């Protein structure tokens, strides 16, 4: 169904162009579900807290402990957010 109004025609063209840019709705849904911006902020906050919690500059920096802490935080926040989103979708 085509409309003769210019504004509506522009909206229809924009919707068609968007459909071609995104190969799959499932991929876009998964990306939105993971909320990468929120996970990034959680990891950055953990990094800042880890660095502020170091006892003294004379101790060597615990790089391996930092890596494990950041990976565990990222994995935990990712898993929690996915489970929360799936639970809300089921309601």
Protein backbone atom coordinates (compact mmCIF):
# COMPACT_ATOMS: atom_id res chain seq x y z
CA UNK A 1 0.00 0.00 0.00
CA UNK A 2 1.63 3.21 -1.19
CA UNK A 3 0.84 6.59 0.29
CA UNK A 4 0.83 9.86 -1.58
CA UNK A 5 2.08 11.95 1.36
CA UNK A 6 5.80 12.81 1.06
CA UNK A 7 6.56 12.32 4.78
CA UNK A 8 4.98 8.86 4.84
CA UNK A 9 6.83 7.89 1.65
CA UNK A 10 10.16 8.91 3.22
CA UNK A 11 9.40 6.78 6.28
CA UNK A 12 8.60 3.77 4.09
CA UNK A 13 11.89 4.17 2.19
CA UNK A 14 13.83 4.45 5.47
CA UNK A 15 12.21 1.26 6.77
CA UNK A 16 13.11 -0.61 3.59
CA UNK A 17 16.71 0.61 3.74
CA UNK A 18 17.01 -0.46 7.38
CA UNK A 19 15.79 -3.95 6.55
CA UNK A 20 18.63 -4.38 4.05
CA UNK A 21 21.30 -3.16 6.46
CA UNK A 22 20.51 -5.71 9.18
CA UNK A 23 20.89 -9.27 7.88
CA UNK A 24 18.87 -10.86 10.65
CA UNK A 25 16.50 -9.68 13.33
CA UNK A 26 17.83 -12.42 15.59
CA UNK A 27 21.32 -10.92 15.43
CA UNK A 28 20.02 -7.47 16.34
CA UNK A 29 17.95 -8.93 19.16
CA UNK A 30 20.95 -10.79 20.56
CA UNK A 31 23.11 -7.65 20.38
CA UNK A 32 20.44 -5.67 22.26
CA UNK A 33 20.15 -8.48 24.81
CA UNK A 34 23.85 -8.44 25.66
CA UNK A 35 23.90 -4.67 26.39
CA UNK A 36 27.62 -4.25 25.64
CA UNK A 37 27.70 -0.62 26.81
CA UNK A 38 26.52 -1.56 30.29
CA UNK A 39 28.97 -4.47 30.53
CA UNK A 40 31.82 -2.19 29.46
CA UNK A 41 30.95 0.31 32.20
CA UNK A 42 30.78 -2.48 34.79
CA UNK A 43 34.26 -3.72 33.82
CA UNK A 44 35.72 -0.18 33.87
CA UNK A 45 34.26 0.41 37.33
CA UNK A 46 35.75 -2.88 38.54
CA UNK A 47 39.15 -1.87 37.13
CA UNK A 48 39.01 1.46 38.94
CA UNK A 49 38.03 -0.19 42.22
CA UNK A 50 40.80 -2.77 41.83
CA UNK A 51 43.42 -0.08 41.27
CA UNK A 52 42.17 1.99 44.21
CA UNK A 53 42.29 -1.05 46.48
CA UNK A 54 45.98 -1.78 45.99
CA UNK A 55 47.78 -1.67 49.34
CA UNK A 56 50.98 0.24 48.48
CA UNK A 57 52.98 1.11 45.39
CA UNK A 58 55.92 -0.97 46.71
CA UNK A 59 54.10 -4.25 46.02
CA UNK A 60 54.23 -5.64 42.49
CA UNK A 61 51.07 -5.09 40.46
CA UNK A 62 48.99 -8.32 40.43
CA UNK A 63 48.33 -8.51 36.67
CA UNK A 64 47.03 -12.09 36.69
CA UNK A 65 44.65 -11.34 39.56
CA UNK A 66 43.41 -8.25 37.70
CA UNK A 67 42.83 -10.28 34.54
CA UNK A 68 40.87 -12.96 36.41
CA UNK A 69 38.86 -10.33 38.25
CA UNK A 70 37.91 -8.48 35.06
CA UNK A 71 37.04 -11.66 33.15
CA UNK A 72 34.95 -12.95 36.03
CA UNK A 73 33.15 -9.64 36.38
CA UNK A 74 32.44 -9.45 32.66
CA UNK A 75 31.20 -13.04 32.53
CA UNK A 76 29.04 -12.57 35.60
CA UNK A 77 27.47 -9.32 34.41
CA UNK A 78 26.85 -10.76 30.95
CA UNK A 79 25.22 -13.87 32.32
CA UNK A 80 23.11 -12.01 34.85
CA UNK A 81 21.82 -9.52 32.28
CA UNK A 82 20.94 -12.27 29.80
CA UNK A 83 19.06 -14.26 32.43
CA UNK A 84 17.21 -11.14 33.58
CA UNK A 85 16.19 -10.23 30.01
CA UNK A 86 14.97 -13.75 29.27
CA UNK A 87 12.99 -13.78 32.52
CA UNK A 88 11.32 -10.45 31.65
CA UNK A 89 10.50 -11.65 28.14
CA UNK A 90 8.78 -14.71 29.57
CA UNK A 91 6.46 -12.53 31.64
